[in-house]
């Protein structure tokens, strides 16, 4: 009987060890994916900032063009 109990304990420990390893592999994968998502988010954020700056420039150019048009219409 003792040997069966020892075998069962050993199997239980082995199972728990494999379970812990699997959880570690899962956590490492999630950590890697999280790092990639952070990098992607940073890149997208920088792109949004660039687009906002371009939009601001375009708005300023539009206002200048509108002013020029108003002045030209007055002259005509």
N, C-alpha and C. Protein backbone atom coordinates (compact mmCIF):
# COMPACT_ATOMS: atom_id res chain seq x y z
N UNK A 1 0.81 -1.20 0.00
CA UNK A 1 0.00 0.00 0.00
C UNK A 1 0.86 1.27 0.00
N UNK A 2 1.93 1.21 0.75
CA UNK A 2 2.77 2.40 0.86
C UNK A 2 3.31 2.82 -0.49
N UNK A 3 3.71 1.89 -1.30
CA UNK A 3 4.28 2.25 -2.58
C UNK A 3 3.22 2.91 -3.49
N UNK A 4 1.95 2.45 -3.40
CA UNK A 4 0.89 3.07 -4.19
C UNK A 4 0.68 4.52 -3.75
N UNK A 5 0.70 4.74 -2.46
CA UNK A 5 0.52 6.10 -1.92
C UNK A 5 1.67 6.99 -2.37
N UNK A 6 2.88 6.45 -2.32
CA UNK A 6 4.05 7.23 -2.75
C UNK A 6 3.97 7.57 -4.23
N UNK A 7 3.52 6.60 -5.02
CA UNK A 7 3.38 6.83 -6.47
C UNK A 7 2.33 7.90 -6.72
N UNK A 8 1.21 7.80 -6.01
CA UNK A 8 0.14 8.80 -6.18
C UNK A 8 0.62 10.19 -5.78
N UNK A 9 1.37 10.28 -4.68
CA UNK A 9 1.92 11.57 -4.25
C UNK A 9 2.89 12.12 -5.29
N UNK A 10 3.74 11.23 -5.81
CA UNK A 10 4.70 11.65 -6.83
C UNK A 10 3.98 12.14 -8.09
N UNK A 11 2.93 11.42 -8.48
CA UNK A 11 2.14 11.84 -9.66
C UNK A 11 1.47 13.18 -9.41
N UNK A 12 0.96 13.35 -8.19
CA UNK A 12 0.31 14.62 -7.85
C UNK A 12 1.32 15.77 -7.92
N UNK A 13 2.50 15.56 -7.35
CA UNK A 13 3.54 16.59 -7.40
C UNK A 13 3.96 16.89 -8.83
N UNK A 14 4.09 15.83 -9.64
CA UNK A 14 4.46 16.01 -11.04
C UNK A 14 3.39 16.80 -11.78
N UNK A 15 2.14 16.47 -11.53
CA UNK A 15 1.03 17.19 -12.15
C UNK A 15 1.05 18.67 -11.75
N UNK A 16 1.23 18.93 -10.48
CA UNK A 16 1.27 20.32 -10.00
C UNK A 16 2.45 21.08 -10.59
N UNK A 17 3.58 20.39 -10.74
CA UNK A 17 4.76 21.02 -11.34
C UNK A 17 4.48 21.39 -12.80
N UNK A 18 3.89 20.46 -13.54
CA UNK A 18 3.56 20.75 -14.94
C UNK A 18 2.53 21.87 -15.06
N UNK A 19 1.58 21.86 -14.14
CA UNK A 19 0.56 22.91 -14.14
C UNK A 19 1.22 24.28 -13.90
N UNK A 20 2.14 24.32 -12.95
CA UNK A 20 2.85 25.57 -12.66
C UNK A 20 3.67 26.03 -13.87
N UNK A 21 4.32 25.07 -14.55
CA UNK A 21 5.08 25.42 -15.75
C UNK A 21 4.18 25.95 -16.84
N UNK A 22 3.03 25.32 -17.03
CA UNK A 22 2.08 25.79 -18.04
C UNK A 22 1.62 27.21 -17.74
N UNK A 23 1.33 27.46 -16.47
CA UNK A 23 0.90 28.81 -16.08
C UNK A 23 2.01 29.82 -16.31
N UNK A 24 3.26 29.38 -16.06
CA UNK A 24 4.40 30.28 -16.29
C UNK A 24 4.51 30.60 -17.77
N UNK A 25 4.37 29.54 -18.67
CA UNK A 25 4.45 29.75 -20.12
C UNK A 25 3.37 30.71 -20.58
N UNK A 26 2.12 30.53 -19.96
CA UNK A 26 0.99 31.39 -20.33
C UNK A 26 1.29 32.83 -19.91
N UNK A 27 1.80 33.01 -18.69
CA UNK A 27 2.11 34.35 -18.21
C UNK A 27 3.19 35.02 -19.06
N UNK A 28 4.20 34.26 -19.46
CA UNK A 28 5.26 34.82 -20.29
C UNK A 28 4.71 35.26 -21.64
N UNK A 29 3.81 34.46 -22.21
CA UNK A 29 3.20 34.80 -23.51
C UNK A 29 2.36 36.07 -23.37
N UNK A 30 1.57 36.14 -22.30
CA UNK A 30 0.75 37.32 -22.08
C UNK A 30 1.61 38.56 -21.86
N UNK A 31 2.71 38.40 -21.16
CA UNK A 31 3.62 39.53 -20.92
C UNK A 31 4.22 40.01 -22.24
N UNK A 32 4.61 39.07 -23.09
CA UNK A 32 5.17 39.43 -24.39
C UNK A 32 4.13 40.15 -25.25
N UNK A 33 2.90 39.62 -25.25
CA UNK A 33 1.83 40.26 -26.02
C UNK A 33 1.54 41.65 -25.48
N UNK A 34 1.58 41.80 -24.17
CA UNK A 34 1.34 43.10 -23.56
C UNK A 34 2.42 44.10 -23.98
N UNK A 35 3.66 43.66 -24.01
CA UNK A 35 4.76 44.54 -24.44
C UNK A 35 4.58 44.97 -25.88
N UNK A 36 4.17 44.03 -26.73
CA UNK A 36 3.94 44.36 -28.14
C UNK A 36 2.80 45.35 -28.28
N UNK A 37 1.75 45.16 -27.49
CA UNK A 37 0.61 46.08 -27.55
C UNK A 37 1.01 47.48 -27.07
N UNK A 38 1.86 47.54 -26.05
CA UNK A 38 2.34 48.85 -25.57
C UNK A 38 3.14 49.56 -26.64
N UNK A 39 3.99 48.80 -27.35
CA UNK A 39 4.77 49.39 -28.44
C UNK A 39 3.85 49.89 -29.54
N UNK A 40 2.86 49.09 -29.88
CA UNK A 40 1.90 49.47 -30.93
C UNK A 40 1.11 50.71 -30.50
N UNK A 41 0.70 50.74 -29.26
CA UNK A 41 -0.04 51.89 -28.74
C UNK A 41 0.82 53.16 -28.79
N UNK A 42 2.09 53.04 -28.44
CA UNK A 42 2.99 54.19 -28.49
C UNK A 42 3.15 54.69 -29.92
N UNK A 43 3.28 53.75 -30.87
CA UNK A 43 3.41 54.14 -32.27
C UNK A 43 2.13 54.82 -32.77
N UNK A 44 0.99 54.27 -32.41
CA UNK A 44 -0.28 54.87 -32.83
C UNK A 44 -0.49 56.24 -32.19
N UNK A 45 -0.08 56.36 -30.95
CA UNK A 45 -0.21 57.64 -30.25
C UNK A 45 0.65 58.71 -30.93
N UNK A 46 1.86 58.33 -31.31
CA UNK A 46 2.74 59.27 -32.01
C UNK A 46 2.13 59.66 -33.36
N UNK A 47 1.52 58.69 -34.03
CA UNK A 47 0.89 58.98 -35.32
C UNK A 47 -0.29 59.93 -35.14
N UNK A 48 -1.09 59.71 -34.10
CA UNK A 48 -2.22 60.59 -33.81
C UNK A 48 -1.72 62.02 -33.55
N UNK A 49 -0.65 62.14 -32.78
CA UNK A 49 -0.07 63.45 -32.49
C UNK A 49 0.35 64.14 -33.79
N UNK A 50 0.99 63.39 -34.67
CA UNK A 50 1.42 63.94 -35.96
C UNK A 50 0.21 64.39 -36.78
N UNK A 51 -0.84 63.58 -36.79
CA UNK A 51 -2.05 63.93 -37.55
C UNK A 51 -2.72 65.18 -36.95
N UNK A 52 -2.71 65.28 -35.64
CA UNK A 52 -3.29 66.46 -34.99
C UNK A 52 -2.51 67.72 -35.37
N UNK A 53 -1.20 67.61 -35.44
CA UNK A 53 -0.38 68.75 -35.85
C UNK A 53 -0.66 69.13 -37.30
N UNK A 54 -0.79 68.12 -38.16
CA UNK A 54 -1.13 68.38 -39.57
C UNK A 54 -2.50 69.04 -39.68
N UNK A 55 -3.45 68.58 -38.88
CA UNK A 55 -4.78 69.17 -38.89
C UNK A 55 -4.74 70.62 -38.44
N UNK A 56 -3.98 70.91 -37.41
CA UNK A 56 -3.85 72.28 -36.92
C UNK A 56 -3.25 73.19 -38.00
N UNK A 57 -2.23 72.68 -38.68
CA UNK A 57 -1.61 73.45 -39.78
C UNK A 57 -2.62 73.68 -40.90
N UNK A 58 -3.38 72.66 -41.22
CA UNK A 58 -4.38 72.79 -42.30
C UNK A 58 -5.45 73.81 -41.91
N UNK A 59 -5.86 73.81 -40.66
CA UNK A 59 -6.87 74.79 -40.21
C UNK A 59 -6.32 76.22 -40.33
N UNK A 60 -5.06 76.39 -39.91
CA UNK A 60 -4.45 77.72 -40.02
C UNK A 60 -4.34 78.16 -41.47
N UNK A 61 -3.96 77.24 -42.35
CA UNK A 61 -3.88 77.55 -43.78
C UNK A 61 -5.25 77.91 -44.34
N UNK A 62 -6.28 77.19 -43.89
CA UNK A 62 -7.64 77.48 -44.35
C UNK A 62 -8.07 78.88 -43.91
N UNK A 63 -7.78 79.23 -42.67
CA UNK A 63 -8.14 80.57 -42.18
C UNK A 63 -7.42 81.66 -42.99
N UNK A 64 -6.15 81.43 -43.30
CA UNK A 64 -5.40 82.40 -44.11
C UNK A 64 -6.01 82.52 -45.50
N UNK A 65 -6.37 81.38 -46.08
CA UNK A 65 -6.98 81.40 -47.42
C UNK A 65 -8.31 82.13 -47.40
N UNK A 66 -9.09 81.90 -46.37
CA UNK A 66 -10.38 82.59 -46.25
C UNK A 66 -10.17 84.10 -46.14
N UNK A 67 -9.18 84.52 -45.37
CA UNK A 67 -8.88 85.94 -45.24
C UNK A 67 -8.48 86.54 -46.59
N UNK A 68 -7.63 85.81 -47.32
CA UNK A 68 -7.21 86.29 -48.64
C UNK A 68 -8.42 86.40 -49.56
N UNK A 69 -9.31 85.42 -49.53
CA UNK A 69 -10.51 85.46 -50.37
C UNK A 69 -11.40 86.63 -50.04
N UNK A 70 -11.55 86.90 -48.75
CA UNK A 70 -12.38 88.05 -48.34
C UNK A 70 -11.76 89.35 -48.87
N UNK A 71 -10.46 89.50 -48.73
CA UNK A 71 -9.78 90.70 -49.21
C UNK A 71 -9.90 90.85 -50.73
N UNK A 72 -9.75 89.75 -51.45
CA UNK A 72 -9.88 89.79 -52.91
C UNK A 72 -11.31 90.15 -53.33
N UNK A 73 -12.28 89.62 -52.62
CA UNK A 73 -13.69 89.95 -52.96
C UNK A 73 -13.98 91.42 -52.70
N UNK A 74 -13.38 91.97 -51.68
CA UNK A 74 -13.56 93.40 -51.41
C UNK A 74 -12.94 94.24 -52.54
N UNK A 75 -11.76 93.80 -53.00
CA UNK A 75 -11.08 94.53 -54.06
C UNK A 75 -11.84 94.47 -55.37
N UNK A 76 -12.53 93.37 -55.61
CA UNK A 76 -13.28 93.21 -56.85
C UNK A 76 -14.55 94.00 -56.72
